[in-house]
Amino acid sequence: MSYQVAADMLERRGVSIESIAEIVHALQSVYYPELKQEECAASVRAVLGKREVQYTLMTGIALDELAERKLLPQPLQAVMEADESLYGADETLALGITGVYGMIGLTGFGYLDKNKPGVIGMLNDKTRGIHVFLDDLVASIAAAASARIAHRHEGARQYFDA
């Protein structure tokens, strides 16, 4: 699998790289006012370039699509259709992506999961299909891309000589 396959899967479900980059920019521009939207998009692309992220995305999207087609066994089908708040498998899968970039990725994911800005909120709207996994996966990609910027940004304080 490649970055392009992952980007195409997102696009097919109504999520663009730019819409994720907007969330990343909102998270990081507070700390780095000079941060450009293109840097955020590049960070999203870098996260999507990781095979582990691609496989996680593929799994979550497949489950959402199977639920939309009513092809899951009961009671899982009913749980997915209701987007049960105690289901938790969606967040668990998404946390695998945030873990790549440490605790800052995890805290960013928690913030995005609670507040659901931008495209995450659109995916969480139950009238637009089943996105039980995808809203959390997009939040985790945005959180990971944001954490990646925080770890790599030249404006970050250095406390040790390299």
N, C-alpha and C. Protein backbone atom coordinates (compact mmCIF):
# COMPACT_ATOMS: atom_id res chain seq x y z
N MET A 1 0.84 -1.18 0.00
CA MET A 1 0.00 0.00 0.00
C MET A 1 0.89 1.24 0.00
N SER A 2 0.36 2.35 -0.45
CA SER A 2 1.15 3.57 -0.53
C SER A 2 0.36 4.74 0.06
N TYR A 3 1.09 5.85 0.18
CA TYR A 3 0.44 7.08 0.63
C TYR A 3 -0.77 7.39 -0.24
N GLN A 4 -0.62 7.26 -1.55
CA GLN A 4 -1.70 7.64 -2.47
C GLN A 4 -2.94 6.79 -2.26
N VAL A 5 -2.77 5.51 -1.99
CA VAL A 5 -3.92 4.64 -1.72
C VAL A 5 -4.64 5.13 -0.46
N ALA A 6 -3.88 5.48 0.57
CA ALA A 6 -4.49 5.99 1.81
C ALA A 6 -5.22 7.30 1.55
N ALA A 7 -4.60 8.20 0.80
CA ALA A 7 -5.24 9.48 0.48
C ALA A 7 -6.51 9.26 -0.33
N ASP A 8 -6.47 8.31 -1.26
CA ASP A 8 -7.65 8.01 -2.07
C ASP A 8 -8.78 7.42 -1.23
N MET A 9 -8.44 6.57 -0.25
CA MET A 9 -9.46 6.01 0.65
C MET A 9 -10.15 7.13 1.42
N LEU A 10 -9.38 8.07 1.92
CA LEU A 10 -9.95 9.20 2.65
C LEU A 10 -10.83 10.03 1.73
N GLU A 11 -10.33 10.33 0.56
CA GLU A 11 -11.07 11.16 -0.41
C GLU A 11 -12.40 10.51 -0.76
N ARG A 12 -12.40 9.21 -0.94
CA ARG A 12 -13.62 8.47 -1.27
C ARG A 12 -14.67 8.62 -0.16
N ARG A 13 -14.22 8.83 1.07
CA ARG A 13 -15.13 8.98 2.21
C ARG A 13 -15.37 10.45 2.55
N GLY A 14 -14.93 11.36 1.68
CA GLY A 14 -15.22 12.78 1.87
C GLY A 14 -14.21 13.55 2.70
N VAL A 15 -13.01 13.00 2.86
CA VAL A 15 -11.98 13.64 3.68
C VAL A 15 -10.78 13.97 2.80
N SER A 16 -10.42 15.24 2.75
CA SER A 16 -9.24 15.64 1.97
C SER A 16 -8.04 15.84 2.89
N ILE A 17 -6.87 15.78 2.31
CA ILE A 17 -5.64 16.07 3.05
C ILE A 17 -5.73 17.49 3.60
N GLU A 18 -6.25 18.41 2.80
CA GLU A 18 -6.36 19.81 3.21
C GLU A 18 -7.27 19.98 4.42
N SER A 19 -8.37 19.21 4.47
CA SER A 19 -9.29 19.35 5.62
C SER A 19 -8.63 18.87 6.91
N ILE A 20 -7.77 17.87 6.82
CA ILE A 20 -7.03 17.43 8.00
C ILE A 20 -5.95 18.46 8.34
N ALA A 21 -5.29 18.99 7.32
CA ALA A 21 -4.25 20.00 7.53
C ALA A 21 -4.81 21.25 8.21
N GLU A 22 -6.05 21.61 7.92
CA GLU A 22 -6.68 22.76 8.59
C GLU A 22 -6.76 22.53 10.10
N ILE A 23 -7.08 21.32 10.50
CA ILE A 23 -7.15 20.99 11.92
C ILE A 23 -5.76 21.05 12.54
N VAL A 24 -4.78 20.50 11.84
CA VAL A 24 -3.40 20.53 12.31
C VAL A 24 -2.94 21.97 12.49
N HIS A 25 -3.24 22.80 11.52
CA HIS A 25 -2.85 24.22 11.58
C HIS A 25 -3.49 24.90 12.79
N ALA A 26 -4.77 24.63 13.01
CA ALA A 26 -5.45 25.23 14.17
C ALA A 26 -4.80 24.80 15.48
N LEU A 27 -4.35 23.57 15.56
CA LEU A 27 -3.71 23.08 16.79
C LEU A 27 -2.33 23.70 16.99
N GLN A 28 -1.54 23.80 15.94
CA GLN A 28 -0.13 24.19 16.09
C GLN A 28 0.16 25.67 15.87
N SER A 29 -0.71 26.40 15.17
CA SER A 29 -0.42 27.81 14.90
C SER A 29 -0.44 28.65 16.17
N VAL A 30 -1.07 28.15 17.22
CA VAL A 30 -1.04 28.83 18.52
C VAL A 30 0.40 28.91 19.03
N TYR A 31 1.17 27.86 18.79
CA TYR A 31 2.55 27.78 19.26
C TYR A 31 3.54 28.30 18.22
N TYR A 32 3.20 28.18 16.96
CA TYR A 32 4.07 28.58 15.86
C TYR A 32 3.26 29.43 14.88
N PRO A 33 3.09 30.73 15.19
CA PRO A 33 2.22 31.59 14.36
C PRO A 33 2.65 31.67 12.90
N GLU A 34 3.92 31.42 12.62
CA GLU A 34 4.41 31.50 11.24
C GLU A 34 4.14 30.22 10.45
N LEU A 35 3.57 29.23 11.10
CA LEU A 35 3.31 27.93 10.47
C LEU A 35 2.40 28.08 9.25
N LYS A 36 2.80 27.49 8.16
CA LYS A 36 2.04 27.56 6.91
C LYS A 36 1.16 26.32 6.76
N GLN A 37 0.03 26.51 6.10
CA GLN A 37 -0.91 25.42 5.84
C GLN A 37 -0.23 24.28 5.08
N GLU A 38 0.67 24.62 4.15
CA GLU A 38 1.35 23.58 3.37
C GLU A 38 2.25 22.72 4.25
N GLU A 39 2.87 23.31 5.28
CA GLU A 39 3.67 22.51 6.22
C GLU A 39 2.78 21.49 6.94
N CYS A 40 1.58 21.91 7.26
CA CYS A 40 0.63 21.02 7.93
C CYS A 40 0.21 19.90 6.99
N ALA A 41 -0.06 20.24 5.73
CA ALA A 41 -0.43 19.22 4.74
C ALA A 41 0.72 18.24 4.53
N ALA A 42 1.95 18.74 4.50
CA ALA A 42 3.12 17.87 4.35
C ALA A 42 3.24 16.92 5.53
N SER A 43 2.92 17.40 6.72
CA SER A 43 2.98 16.55 7.91
C SER A 43 1.89 15.47 7.85
N VAL A 44 0.70 15.83 7.38
CA VAL A 44 -0.38 14.85 7.21
C VAL A 44 0.07 13.79 6.20
N ARG A 45 0.66 14.22 5.10
CA ARG A 45 1.13 13.26 4.09
C ARG A 45 2.20 12.34 4.66
N ALA A 46 3.07 12.88 5.51
CA ALA A 46 4.12 12.06 6.12
C ALA A 46 3.52 11.00 7.04
N VAL A 47 2.51 11.38 7.81
CA VAL A 47 1.83 10.41 8.69
C VAL A 47 1.17 9.34 7.84
N LEU A 48 0.49 9.75 6.78
CA LEU A 48 -0.17 8.78 5.90
C LEU A 48 0.81 7.91 5.13
N GLY A 49 2.07 8.32 5.08
CA GLY A 49 3.09 7.53 4.42
C GLY A 49 3.54 6.32 5.22
N LYS A 50 3.18 6.27 6.48
CA LYS A 50 3.57 5.13 7.33
C LYS A 50 2.64 3.96 7.08
N ARG A 51 3.22 2.82 6.82
CA ARG A 51 2.43 1.63 6.49
C ARG A 51 1.48 1.25 7.63
N GLU A 52 1.93 1.37 8.86
CA GLU A 52 1.07 1.05 10.01
C GLU A 52 -0.19 1.91 10.01
N VAL A 53 -0.03 3.18 9.67
CA VAL A 53 -1.18 4.10 9.58
C VAL A 53 -2.09 3.68 8.43
N GLN A 54 -1.52 3.33 7.30
CA GLN A 54 -2.30 2.90 6.14
C GLN A 54 -3.14 1.67 6.47
N TYR A 55 -2.54 0.71 7.13
CA TYR A 55 -3.27 -0.51 7.47
C TYR A 55 -4.40 -0.23 8.47
N THR A 56 -4.13 0.64 9.43
CA THR A 56 -5.15 1.00 10.41
C THR A 56 -6.31 1.71 9.73
N LEU A 57 -5.99 2.63 8.85
CA LEU A 57 -7.01 3.35 8.10
C LEU A 57 -7.84 2.41 7.24
N MET A 58 -7.18 1.49 6.56
CA MET A 58 -7.86 0.52 5.71
C MET A 58 -8.84 -0.32 6.54
N THR A 59 -8.43 -0.74 7.71
CA THR A 59 -9.27 -1.57 8.58
C THR A 59 -10.51 -0.81 9.04
N GLY A 60 -10.31 0.40 9.54
CA GLY A 60 -11.44 1.19 10.04
C GLY A 60 -12.44 1.55 8.96
N ILE A 61 -11.94 1.97 7.81
CA ILE A 61 -12.83 2.33 6.70
C ILE A 61 -13.60 1.11 6.23
N ALA A 62 -12.94 -0.04 6.15
CA ALA A 62 -13.63 -1.27 5.73
C ALA A 62 -14.77 -1.61 6.68
N LEU A 63 -14.55 -1.47 7.97
CA LEU A 63 -15.61 -1.76 8.93
C LEU A 63 -16.77 -0.78 8.80
N ASP A 64 -16.47 0.50 8.61
CA ASP A 64 -17.54 1.48 8.39
C ASP A 64 -18.34 1.15 7.13
N GLU A 65 -17.65 0.80 6.06
CA GLU A 65 -18.34 0.50 4.80
C GLU A 65 -19.17 -0.78 4.90
N LEU A 66 -18.65 -1.78 5.58
CA LEU A 66 -19.42 -3.01 5.78
C LEU A 66 -20.68 -2.73 6.59
N ALA A 67 -20.57 -1.86 7.59
CA ALA A 67 -21.74 -1.49 8.39
C ALA A 67 -22.76 -0.75 7.54
N GLU A 68 -22.31 0.13 6.66
CA GLU A 68 -23.24 0.85 5.78
C GLU A 68 -23.99 -0.11 4.87
N ARG A 69 -23.34 -1.17 4.47
CA ARG A 69 -23.98 -2.17 3.59
C ARG A 69 -24.73 -3.24 4.38
N LYS A 70 -24.73 -3.10 5.70
CA LYS A 70 -25.40 -4.06 6.60
C LYS A 70 -24.85 -5.47 6.44
N LEU A 71 -23.54 -5.56 6.36
CA LEU A 71 -22.88 -6.85 6.15
C LEU A 71 -22.16 -7.37 7.40
N LEU A 72 -22.31 -6.70 8.51
CA LEU A 72 -21.67 -7.16 9.74
C LEU A 72 -22.62 -8.08 10.50
N PRO A 73 -22.07 -9.01 11.26
CA PRO A 73 -22.94 -9.88 12.07
C PRO A 73 -23.55 -9.10 13.23
N GLN A 74 -24.71 -9.53 13.67
CA GLN A 74 -25.34 -8.95 14.85
C GLN A 74 -24.66 -9.54 16.09
N PRO A 75 -24.52 -8.82 17.14
CA PRO A 75 -25.02 -7.47 17.40
C PRO A 75 -24.07 -6.36 16.94
N LEU A 76 -22.92 -6.71 16.33
CA LEU A 76 -21.98 -5.68 15.89
C LEU A 76 -22.63 -4.70 14.92
N GLN A 77 -23.47 -5.20 14.03
CA GLN A 77 -24.14 -4.31 13.08
C GLN A 77 -24.96 -3.25 13.82
N ALA A 78 -25.71 -3.66 14.81
CA ALA A 78 -26.54 -2.72 15.59
C ALA A 78 -25.67 -1.73 16.36
N VAL A 79 -24.57 -2.20 16.91
CA VAL A 79 -23.66 -1.32 17.65
C VAL A 79 -23.09 -0.25 16.72
N MET A 80 -22.69 -0.66 15.53
CA MET A 80 -22.12 0.29 14.56
C MET A 80 -23.17 1.28 14.08
N GLU A 81 -24.37 0.82 13.82
CA GLU A 81 -25.44 1.72 13.36
C GLU A 81 -25.79 2.75 14.42
N ALA A 82 -25.74 2.35 15.68
CA ALA A 82 -26.06 3.26 16.77
C ALA A 82 -24.86 4.12 17.17
N ASP A 83 -23.67 3.77 16.72
CA ASP A 83 -22.42 4.41 17.16
C ASP A 83 -22.39 4.46 18.69
N GLU A 84 -22.56 3.29 19.27
CA GLU A 84 -22.62 3.14 20.73
C GLU A 84 -21.44 3.83 21.41
N SER A 85 -21.74 4.64 22.41
CA SER A 85 -20.70 5.41 23.08
C SER A 85 -19.72 4.53 23.86
N LEU A 86 -20.14 3.37 24.28
CA LEU A 86 -19.24 2.49 25.03
C LEU A 86 -18.53 1.46 24.16
N TYR A 87 -18.68 1.56 22.86
CA TYR A 87 -18.05 0.60 21.95
C TYR A 87 -16.53 0.62 22.13
N GLY A 88 -15.89 1.73 21.95
CA GLY A 88 -14.48 1.90 22.28
C GLY A 88 -13.46 1.33 21.31
N ALA A 89 -13.85 0.38 20.47
CA ALA A 89 -12.89 -0.21 19.53
C ALA A 89 -12.40 0.83 18.52
N ASP A 90 -13.24 1.80 18.21
CA ASP A 90 -12.85 2.84 17.26
C ASP A 90 -11.73 3.71 17.82
N GLU A 91 -11.87 4.12 19.08
CA GLU A 91 -10.80 4.90 19.71
C GLU A 91 -9.54 4.06 19.90
N THR A 92 -9.73 2.80 20.27
CA THR A 92 -8.58 1.92 20.48
C THR A 92 -7.76 1.78 19.21
N LEU A 93 -8.42 1.58 18.09
CA LEU A 93 -7.72 1.47 16.81
C LEU A 93 -7.00 2.79 16.48
N ALA A 94 -7.68 3.90 16.68
CA ALA A 94 -7.10 5.20 16.37
C ALA A 94 -5.88 5.52 17.23
N LEU A 95 -5.88 5.08 18.46
CA LEU A 95 -4.76 5.37 19.36
C LEU A 95 -3.45 4.77 18.86
N GLY A 96 -3.54 3.72 18.06
CA GLY A 96 -2.33 3.16 17.47
C GLY A 96 -1.60 4.16 16.59
N ILE A 97 -2.34 5.03 15.95
CA ILE A 97 -1.73 6.06 15.10
C ILE A 97 -1.10 7.15 15.95
N THR A 98 -1.79 7.60 16.98
CA THR A 98 -1.26 8.69 17.80
C THR A 98 -0.03 8.25 18.57
N GLY A 99 0.04 6.98 18.92
CA GLY A 99 1.17 6.48 19.69
C GLY A 99 2.50 6.62 19.00
N VAL A 100 2.49 6.74 17.68
CA VAL A 100 3.73 6.88 16.91
C VAL A 100 4.47 8.16 17.32
N TYR A 101 3.74 9.17 17.78
CA TYR A 101 4.34 10.46 18.10
C TYR A 101 4.25 10.81 19.58
N GLY A 102 4.08 9.83 20.44
CA GLY A 102 4.18 10.05 21.88
C GLY A 102 2.97 10.69 22.53
N MET A 103 3.18 11.17 23.73
CA MET A 103 2.09 11.69 24.56
C MET A 103 1.43 12.93 23.95
N ILE A 104 2.19 13.75 23.25
CA ILE A 104 1.59 14.93 22.64
C ILE A 104 0.55 14.52 21.60
N GLY A 105 0.80 13.42 20.91
CA GLY A 105 -0.18 12.88 19.97
C GLY A 105 -1.42 12.39 20.69
N LEU A 106 -1.21 11.74 21.82
CA LEU A 106 -2.33 11.22 22.61
C LEU A 106 -3.20 12.34 23.16
N THR A 107 -2.59 13.37 23.73
CA THR A 107 -3.39 14.47 24.28
C THR A 107 -4.10 15.24 23.17
N GLY A 108 -3.43 15.40 22.03
CA GLY A 108 -4.07 16.05 20.89
C GLY A 108 -5.28 15.27 20.41
N PHE A 109 -5.15 13.95 20.38
CA PHE A 109 -6.28 13.10 19.98
C PHE A 109 -7.45 13.28 20.94
N GLY A 110 -7.18 13.27 22.23
CA GLY A 110 -8.25 13.45 23.22
C GLY A 110 -8.99 14.76 23.02
N TYR A 111 -8.25 15.82 22.77
CA TYR A 111 -8.85 17.12 22.52
C TYR A 111 -9.73 17.09 21.27
N LEU A 112 -9.21 16.51 20.19
CA LEU A 112 -9.97 16.46 18.93
C LEU A 112 -11.18 15.55 19.04
N ASP A 113 -11.04 14.45 19.76
CA ASP A 113 -12.15 13.52 19.92
C ASP A 113 -13.29 14.17 20.70
N LYS A 114 -12.96 15.00 21.66
CA LYS A 114 -13.99 15.66 22.46
C LYS A 114 -14.62 16.83 21.70
N ASN A 115 -13.82 17.65 21.04
CA ASN A 115 -14.31 18.88 20.42
C ASN A 115 -14.77 18.73 18.97
N LYS A 116 -14.26 17.74 18.26
CA LYS A 116 -14.66 17.39 16.90
C LYS A 116 -14.69 18.59 15.94
N PRO A 117 -13.55 19.26 15.78
CA PRO A 117 -13.52 20.41 14.85
C PRO A 117 -13.51 19.97 13.39
N GLY A 118 -13.95 20.87 12.53
CA GLY A 118 -13.84 20.67 11.08
C GLY A 118 -14.44 19.39 10.56
N VAL A 119 -13.69 18.71 9.74
CA VAL A 119 -14.17 17.50 9.07
C VAL A 119 -14.49 16.39 10.07
N ILE A 120 -13.88 16.41 11.25
CA ILE A 120 -14.18 15.39 12.26
C ILE A 120 -15.64 15.52 12.70
N GLY A 121 -16.10 16.74 12.91
CA GLY A 121 -17.50 16.97 13.26
C GLY A 121 -18.45 16.56 12.15
N MET A 122 -18.04 16.83 10.91
CA MET A 122 -18.86 16.42 9.76
C MET A 122 -19.01 14.90 9.73
N LEU A 123 -17.91 14.19 9.98
CA LEU A 123 -17.96 12.73 9.98
C LEU A 123 -18.79 12.20 11.14
N ASN A 124 -18.82 12.92 12.23
CA ASN A 124 -19.57 12.49 13.40
C ASN A 124 -21.08 12.70 13.24
N ASP A 125 -21.49 13.46 12.24
CA ASP A 125 -22.90 13.69 11.95
C ASP A 125 -23.52 12.39 11.43
N LYS A 126 -24.42 11.83 12.20
CA LYS A 126 -24.97 10.49 11.91
C LYS A 126 -25.81 10.44 10.64
N THR A 127 -26.17 11.59 10.07
CA THR A 127 -27.02 11.59 8.88
C THR A 127 -26.21 11.40 7.59
N ARG A 128 -24.89 11.39 7.69
CA ARG A 128 -24.03 11.34 6.50
C ARG A 128 -23.35 9.99 6.33
N GLY A 129 -23.95 8.93 6.81
CA GLY A 129 -23.34 7.61 6.68
C GLY A 129 -22.76 7.15 8.00
N ILE A 130 -22.15 5.99 7.96
CA ILE A 130 -21.54 5.42 9.16
C ILE A 130 -20.04 5.70 9.11
N HIS A 131 -19.58 6.44 10.10
CA HIS A 131 -18.17 6.79 10.21
C HIS A 131 -17.69 6.55 11.63
N VAL A 132 -18.11 5.42 12.20
CA VAL A 132 -17.75 5.09 13.58
C VAL A 132 -16.23 5.12 13.75
N PHE A 133 -15.52 4.54 12.81
CA PHE A 133 -14.07 4.49 12.89
C PHE A 133 -13.42 5.73 12.27
N LEU A 134 -13.96 6.20 11.16
CA LEU A 134 -13.26 7.23 10.40
C LEU A 134 -13.12 8.54 11.16
N ASP A 135 -14.12 8.97 11.92
CA ASP A 135 -13.97 10.23 12.65
C ASP A 135 -12.80 10.15 13.62
N ASP A 136 -12.64 9.02 14.29
CA ASP A 136 -11.53 8.85 15.22
C ASP A 136 -10.20 8.69 14.48
N LEU A 137 -10.21 8.02 13.35
CA LEU A 137 -8.99 7.87 12.57
C LEU A 137 -8.50 9.21 12.04
N VAL A 138 -9.42 10.04 11.57
CA VAL A 138 -9.03 11.37 11.10
C VAL A 138 -8.50 12.20 12.26
N ALA A 139 -9.14 12.12 13.42
CA ALA A 139 -8.63 12.83 14.60
C ALA A 139 -7.23 12.35 14.96
N SER A 140 -7.00 11.06 14.86
CA SER A 140 -5.68 10.53 15.21
C SER A 140 -4.62 10.94 14.19
N ILE A 141 -4.98 10.99 12.92
CA ILE A 141 -4.04 11.44 11.89
C ILE A 141 -3.70 12.91 12.12
N ALA A 142 -4.71 13.73 12.40
CA ALA A 142 -4.47 15.15 12.68
C ALA A 142 -3.61 15.32 13.93
N ALA A 143 -3.89 14.55 14.97
CA ALA A 143 -3.11 14.65 16.21
C ALA A 143 -1.67 14.21 15.97
N ALA A 144 -1.48 13.15 15.21
CA ALA A 144 -0.13 12.67 14.92
C ALA A 144 0.63 13.69 14.07
N ALA A 145 -0.02 14.25 13.06
CA ALA A 145 0.63 15.26 12.22
C ALA A 145 0.98 16.50 13.03
N SER A 146 0.10 16.87 13.94
CA SER A 146 0.35 18.00 14.82
C SER A 146 1.54 17.73 15.75
N ALA A 147 1.56 16.55 16.33
CA ALA A 147 2.67 16.17 17.22
C ALA A 147 3.98 16.11 16.43
N ARG A 148 3.91 15.63 15.21
CA ARG A 148 5.10 15.57 14.36
C ARG A 148 5.68 16.96 14.16
N ILE A 149 4.83 17.94 13.93
CA ILE A 149 5.28 19.32 13.77
C ILE A 149 5.90 19.81 15.07
N ALA A 150 5.25 19.55 16.19
CA ALA A 150 5.78 19.99 17.48
C ALA A 150 7.16 19.40 17.75
N HIS A 151 7.35 18.14 17.39
CA HIS A 151 8.64 17.48 17.62
C HIS A 151 9.73 18.00 16.69
N ARG A 152 9.35 18.41 15.49
CA ARG A 152 10.34 18.74 14.47
C ARG A 152 10.50 20.23 14.19
N HIS A 153 9.61 21.05 14.66
CA HIS A 153 9.60 22.45 14.27
C HIS A 153 10.86 23.16 14.76
N GLU A 154 11.43 23.96 13.87
CA GLU A 154 12.67 24.65 14.21
C GLU A 154 12.48 25.69 15.31
N GLY A 155 11.25 26.10 15.55
CA GLY A 155 10.98 27.06 16.62
C GLY A 155 10.88 26.43 18.00
N ALA A 156 10.95 25.11 18.07
CA ALA A 156 10.86 24.43 19.36
C ALA A 156 12.12 24.70 20.17
N ARG A 157 11.94 24.87 21.46
CA ARG A 157 13.09 25.12 22.34
C ARG A 157 14.01 23.91 22.37
N GLN A 158 15.30 24.22 22.43
CA GLN A 158 16.32 23.18 22.54
C GLN A 158 16.98 23.32 23.91
N TYR A 159 17.04 22.25 24.65
CA TYR A 159 17.65 22.29 25.98
C TYR A 159 18.98 21.57 26.03
N PHE A 160 19.31 20.88 24.97
CA PHE A 160 20.57 20.13 24.91
C PHE A 160 21.31 20.51 23.64
N ASP A 161 22.62 20.50 23.71
CA ASP A 161 23.41 20.71 22.50
C ASP A 161 23.36 19.43 21.68
N ALA A 162 23.14 19.58 20.41
CA ALA A 162 23.03 18.40 19.55
C ALA A 162 24.37 17.86 19.14
